[in-house]
């Protein structure tokens, strides 16, 4: 992904500015919606069983846990 690697054309100004300031090229940020407590509960609840656990926020669609 161009944003994450810092190569997207939308970041042209940032790349140009960094040539003059000497700053390293930066990519975009990654923000997760995982909830630590929900993640631990999903992992513990699954235990040694085969399967998967997914917890979603029904209002936003945010992924709260994956195990």
Foldseek 3Di string as FASTA:
>chain_A
DCQQVQNDPVNVVVVVVCVVVVDDRGHDDDDAQADPVVAVCQDVVCPPPDDKDWDADVVPRGTHYID
